Amino acid sequence: MKSKHWKFRIMAAFLVLAIVLTGCQPVGGLDLNKAFLNGLDVQSMEGRTEVSLHFDVDSATMTDEQKTLLALVKDMKFSLDSVKMQDQQTMSLKGTFTYGRGSIPFQMYLADNKYYIQVEGLSKTLVYDPIAAIASTSGETEADVLARIEAVQESTQEQIQVLTRKIAGYAITNLPNPMDVKLEQVQRTINNEQLSLSKVSASVSGEEMPKLFVGFLKNVLADEQGLNQFLDELIDFVLLIQENIESTMTAEEKEQLSSQGPLGMLKEDRETAAMLLRTMVRGALQEMVNNASELDASQLTFLKAMNVKASIYYDSNLLERASEYEMTITPPEGIETGGLKTFRIAINNEVWNMNKPVQADVIDSSRGQLVMSSDLSAREVLGQFDPSSVAYKLLKEDLKVNRQMVVLFMNDEYSDGTTKPYIVEGNTYVPARFVSEQLKAEVTWNDEAKQATISDKFLGIDMILTIGSKTALVNGKAVEMEAEAQIKEGTTFVPVRFIAEQLGGTVDWDGDLGMITIVRE
């Protein structure tokens, strides 16, 4: 079994975990359905959250590459030390990301539909404005985009809240309780306040998860009237959303939307569409029941390796004040895991000042802003970081956000005549403009002088290449190339090694594929 199968199954396990532990039947008289719905009414709060990962490994069986990666992620932690939600549109976060190279403090502030982000080592405040991003692609003014979005939100917000409650209530009503679930009264200090809380604890083994999941699906299938009513309400909601969206569209856009697939059918014949949807959903649910009931040996082996624990703390108003989740996976012998013995993820939360006045922490942007847009490259963002900072090393050396690759083929099957390299007297030529622009450099052409100028502002490089000459000017200094620059079919070609190395890249040649690869870290 391949290790990538394990990664997929771990993600699938989290999905099952969310379904099983989000809601249960009443425990010891505590109405968890009501408690969950109360959480949807929270309009303001303060809190803190921590997500931690731990890997226990057998380093003797690991490759050097795996050991290097392990050193970075072995005890990774994401801590939000301060979460302040002033209202549904205004909040702030302060926290730290910790991994093998060190810790990276950060701060975020959300207000007026804009995100402001500060990271230690970044010289400016990152700003993301989704309204401006939409306007730049749609051709509308920002005011028009905002008005359109607000109109849809205003007309659907109440329906969204109602539907969310119905979905949650319907799911929780049909969820069976885990076998190991208990309720106890405990004392806990949260934000320097001693509280008497109801603690609901559950432990679910991997083997039990399919049974809980199948139990949930069977409950849904048995409640045919409830399922049909739920689907009808979902259809009405979709139609309402479509109607609100169409109110902001042109006649031509409405016509295109109305003629498209399921939405068009819903509008033209709601009852037939509803009947088809009910049949499809019931068929899909039954198939899921069959599949979950017929797990093969490898799937059962994976489930036996997993264990999940959860504890949720509620106050006297049935508001969640704290929670602790932990998932542990211990792969059985014989499974290829790259030396992994145990993997554990833990998530801990605490909340206070719920529905009380809360003031989000505003970010000071006086040192300058870096506005995120489709034109902003990773290199430009990286250029605003202190090279000695932990964040810079994470982005450049570990995540390699600045890594760029250009691939060209000698074979006509892969490239057209514009970009296809060629060889003359042992020198491999590549198209100057194509390679330069792929590496985010700018190219200009002086037809009278027969010169191409390549500028890379990030590297501080200006190159002038003259057709028919082996001498290039790099930042005003003469540099000899292996061969002269040439024009072929209207395109300027230069020796590959020269242009790649001048722009900070390396060249690799694969003779079997006839492929040139230029990589710049």
Foldseek 3Di string as FASTA:
>chain_A
DDQVVVVVVVVVVVVLVCLQPQAAPDAPNRHRLVLSLVQVVFFWWKKKKKKWKAFDFDCVLFDPVVVVVCLFRHTWMWIFPIWTRQGPQWIKTWTWTATNVGIKTKMWIGHPQKIWIDIPQFLFIEIERVLVQVCVVPVHDSVLSVVLVVQLCVQCVVVVSVLVSLVSSLSNVLFHHAPDKHWDWDWDADPNDIATWIKIKDKDALLCSLVRVLSSLVSLLVPLVSVLVSLVSVLVSVLSSLVSNVVSDDPVVNVVVLPDPLNVCCVVPVVVSSVVVSVVVSVVSVVSSVDSVDDDPVSSQQRNQKMKMKMWIAHPVSHTFKMKIKMKGAHDPPDDNSGTGMMMMMMIMGMDCTPHRTDHDDDDRVSHYDYDHPPDAPLNSLLSGDCVDPVNCCPCVPVNSLKFKDKEACDCVVDPPQFHWDDDPRFIKGFLCVVLVSNVWDWDADVVQQWIWTGDVSVGWIWIAHAPDQWIAIVNDTDGHPGHWHADPNTIIGGPQVSLVSSQWDWDADPVRRMIMIMHD
